[in-house]
């Protein structure tokens, strides 16, 4: 009789446990809102003084802020660097998206690694980047609300639009591997 009660308890517990697990399913991804970008352009210079930072852009504009009033979301400058500054619910932010050796020919700035495709845009580094009109996808691109592989990178143009996605693959010859930095 003890065995019958144990089996009965197991048969009662299994459906309850299954209902709990099914009820706690993984939340589907949510498309982030478009970012509020205040300034975007090609970086020409950087000056730090008296607790402030001044980024100078190639077109003559400047972005000047106290160091403690913004955060760096992405810091991979290169020979050519796209400066992106904006605001979100946390406050002001800056991204420095650089070029690097070994990029595809038509890739000026590379934002690494991964992202989520949303059809007309790609979420990466906490921001939603619009796709350029001539966007070139990966051959096996993910569907909407799906993640790109973790070794994928976004190519951006001077306006911060994604022109293409590529897979970063280390060279087979270790001697020809670039230094692990975006400063090419």
Protein backbone atom coordinates (compact mmCIF):
# COMPACT_ATOMS: atom_id res chain seq x y z
CA UNK A 1 0.00 0.00 0.00
CA UNK A 2 2.96 2.35 0.68
CA UNK A 3 4.12 1.91 -2.88
CA UNK A 4 0.70 2.86 -4.29
CA UNK A 5 0.72 6.12 -2.31
CA UNK A 6 4.23 6.95 -3.56
CA UNK A 7 3.24 6.33 -7.18
CA UNK A 8 0.10 8.41 -6.66
CA UNK A 9 2.14 11.27 -5.22
CA UNK A 10 4.56 11.11 -8.15
CA UNK A 11 1.67 11.16 -10.62
CA UNK A 12 0.27 14.22 -8.83
CA UNK A 13 3.61 16.06 -8.62
CA UNK A 14 4.66 15.52 -12.27
CA UNK A 15 1.73 17.47 -13.82
CA UNK A 16 2.19 20.30 -11.31
CA UNK A 17 5.93 20.52 -12.02
CA UNK A 18 5.26 20.44 -15.77
CA UNK A 19 2.73 23.28 -15.46
CA UNK A 20 5.25 25.36 -13.49
CA UNK A 21 8.02 24.82 -16.06
CA UNK A 22 5.73 25.56 -19.01
CA UNK A 23 4.35 28.64 -17.28
CA UNK A 24 7.89 29.98 -16.77
CA UNK A 25 8.86 29.88 -20.45
CA UNK A 26 11.50 32.12 -21.93
CA UNK A 27 10.26 35.61 -22.72
CA UNK A 28 10.40 36.46 -26.43
CA UNK A 29 12.86 39.26 -27.27
CA UNK A 30 11.47 42.78 -27.33
CA UNK A 31 12.57 45.26 -29.97
CA UNK A 32 14.28 48.19 -28.26
CA UNK A 33 13.15 51.72 -29.11
CA UNK A 34 15.19 53.71 -31.63
CA UNK A 35 18.08 55.49 -29.94
CA UNK A 36 18.22 59.22 -29.35
CA UNK A 37 21.46 60.15 -31.11
CA UNK A 38 22.50 63.74 -30.49
CA UNK A 39 25.78 63.78 -32.42
CA UNK A 40 27.32 61.47 -34.99
CA UNK A 41 30.33 62.01 -37.20
CA UNK A 42 33.91 61.12 -38.03
CA UNK A 43 36.21 61.70 -35.06
CA UNK A 44 39.07 64.13 -35.68
CA UNK A 45 40.42 64.66 -32.18
CA UNK A 46 40.04 64.25 -28.43
CA UNK A 47 41.08 66.66 -25.66
CA UNK A 48 40.77 66.12 -21.91
CA UNK A 49 41.02 68.99 -19.43
CA UNK A 50 39.64 70.10 -16.04
CA UNK A 51 37.32 67.11 -15.68
CA UNK A 52 35.90 67.56 -19.18
CA UNK A 53 36.27 65.76 -22.48
CA UNK A 54 35.99 67.40 -25.88
CA UNK A 55 35.56 65.28 -28.98
CA UNK A 56 36.20 67.16 -32.24
CA UNK A 57 34.62 65.94 -35.44
CA UNK A 58 36.00 66.18 -38.98
CA UNK A 59 33.22 68.59 -39.99
CA UNK A 60 34.24 71.09 -37.26
CA UNK A 61 31.56 70.24 -34.68
CA UNK A 62 32.55 69.57 -31.07
CA UNK A 63 30.98 67.52 -28.30
CA UNK A 64 32.10 68.79 -24.88
CA UNK A 65 30.91 67.19 -21.62
CA UNK A 66 32.05 66.74 -18.02
CA UNK A 67 33.67 63.29 -17.69
CA UNK A 68 31.26 62.26 -14.95
CA UNK A 69 28.13 63.09 -16.96
CA UNK A 70 28.33 60.45 -19.68
CA UNK A 71 29.35 56.82 -20.09
CA UNK A 72 31.28 55.03 -22.80
CA UNK A 73 29.12 52.26 -24.29
CA UNK A 74 31.69 51.11 -26.84
CA UNK A 75 35.37 52.04 -27.06
CA UNK A 76 37.09 50.51 -30.09
CA UNK A 77 38.61 53.45 -31.99
CA UNK A 78 40.70 52.85 -35.08
CA UNK A 79 42.52 54.67 -37.83
CA UNK A 80 39.07 56.04 -38.79
CA UNK A 81 36.53 56.30 -35.97
CA UNK A 82 32.82 57.00 -35.98
CA UNK A 83 31.81 59.09 -32.95
CA UNK A 84 28.26 58.50 -31.72
CA UNK A 85 26.76 60.40 -28.76
CA UNK A 86 23.23 60.18 -27.48
CA UNK A 87 20.97 59.90 -24.47
CA UNK A 88 18.85 57.13 -23.04
CA UNK A 89 17.02 56.44 -19.79
CA UNK A 90 20.36 56.17 -17.94
CA UNK A 91 21.82 59.40 -19.34
CA UNK A 92 24.36 60.50 -21.95
CA UNK A 93 26.51 57.91 -23.74
CA UNK A 94 29.33 57.76 -26.29
CA UNK A 95 30.42 55.05 -28.72
CA UNK A 96 33.74 55.09 -30.57
CA UNK A 97 33.40 52.67 -33.48
CA UNK A 98 36.63 52.24 -35.39
CA UNK A 99 38.08 50.74 -38.49
CA UNK A 100 40.54 47.89 -38.24
CA UNK A 101 42.81 45.81 -40.42
CA UNK A 102 41.17 42.88 -42.13
CA UNK A 103 37.71 44.39 -42.57
CA UNK A 104 35.77 43.74 -45.76
CA UNK A 105 36.63 46.36 -48.41
CA UNK A 106 33.30 48.17 -48.13
CA UNK A 107 33.29 48.20 -44.30
CA UNK A 108 34.42 51.55 -42.89
CA UNK A 109 33.53 51.05 -39.20
CA UNK A 110 33.06 47.74 -37.41
CA UNK A 111 30.75 47.28 -34.42
CA UNK A 112 31.49 43.94 -32.81
CA UNK A 113 30.11 41.29 -31.78
CA UNK A 114 26.65 39.88 -32.30
CA UNK A 115 23.25 41.48 -32.41
CA UNK A 116 19.56 40.80 -32.90
CA UNK A 117 17.91 41.28 -36.30
CA UNK A 118 14.65 43.25 -36.30
CA UNK A 119 13.94 43.38 -40.04
CA UNK A 120 14.60 47.08 -40.64
CA UNK A 121 17.31 47.36 -37.98
CA UNK A 122 19.76 45.44 -35.80
CA UNK A 123 20.10 45.78 -32.03
CA UNK A 124 23.73 45.75 -30.88
CA UNK A 125 25.65 47.28 -27.98
CA UNK A 126 22.38 48.35 -26.39
CA UNK A 127 21.23 50.44 -29.38
CA UNK A 128 19.03 49.88 -32.40
CA UNK A 129 20.98 50.54 -35.65
CA UNK A 130 18.92 51.13 -38.83
CA UNK A 131 19.81 49.12 -41.92
CA UNK A 132 21.05 51.12 -44.91
CA UNK A 133 18.99 51.00 -48.11
CA UNK A 134 21.68 48.84 -49.75
CA UNK A 135 22.12 46.57 -46.69
CA UNK A 136 23.95 43.31 -47.49
CA UNK A 137 22.85 40.47 -45.17
CA UNK A 138 24.68 37.31 -44.23
CA UNK A 139 23.80 34.39 -46.55
CA UNK A 140 22.20 32.55 -43.60
CA UNK A 141 20.74 35.60 -41.92
CA UNK A 142 18.54 35.09 -38.89
CA UNK A 143 14.84 35.77 -38.97
CA UNK A 144 13.26 38.78 -37.30
CA UNK A 145 13.82 38.85 -33.52
CA UNK A 146 16.64 36.31 -33.90
CA UNK A 147 20.26 36.62 -32.86
CA UNK A 148 23.26 36.78 -35.14
CA UNK A 149 26.18 34.48 -34.30
CA UNK A 150 28.42 35.82 -31.53
CA UNK A 151 31.32 36.30 -33.99
CA UNK A 152 29.32 38.53 -36.34
CA UNK A 153 30.08 42.23 -36.66
CA UNK A 154 28.16 45.14 -38.15
CA UNK A 155 29.62 47.46 -40.76
CA UNK A 156 28.41 51.04 -40.25
CA UNK A 157 28.46 54.02 -42.57
CA UNK A 158 29.09 57.66 -41.56
CA UNK A 159 25.42 58.03 -40.52
CA UNK A 160 25.44 54.98 -38.25
CA UNK A 161 23.40 52.80 -40.60
CA UNK A 162 24.31 49.12 -40.95
CA UNK A 163 25.61 48.49 -44.46
CA UNK A 164 26.41 44.80 -43.96
CA UNK A 165 27.13 42.03 -41.48
CA UNK A 166 30.20 39.83 -41.64
CA UNK A 167 31.55 36.90 -39.64
CA UNK A 168 34.87 37.56 -37.95
CA UNK A 169 37.04 34.53 -38.54
CA UNK A 170 40.60 34.41 -37.20
CA UNK A 171 43.26 33.73 -39.84
CA UNK A 172 44.65 30.23 -40.02
CA UNK A 173 48.22 31.54 -39.88
CA UNK A 174 48.78 32.94 -36.37
CA UNK A 175 51.69 35.11 -37.61
CA UNK A 176 49.33 37.08 -39.84
CA UNK A 177 46.68 37.56 -37.14
CA UNK A 178 45.98 41.21 -36.34
CA UNK A 179 46.62 42.48 -32.87
CA UNK A 180 43.53 42.01 -30.67
CA UNK A 181 42.58 45.67 -30.95
CA UNK A 182 40.48 47.82 -33.23
CA UNK A 183 43.33 50.22 -33.75
CA UNK A 184 44.57 48.92 -37.07
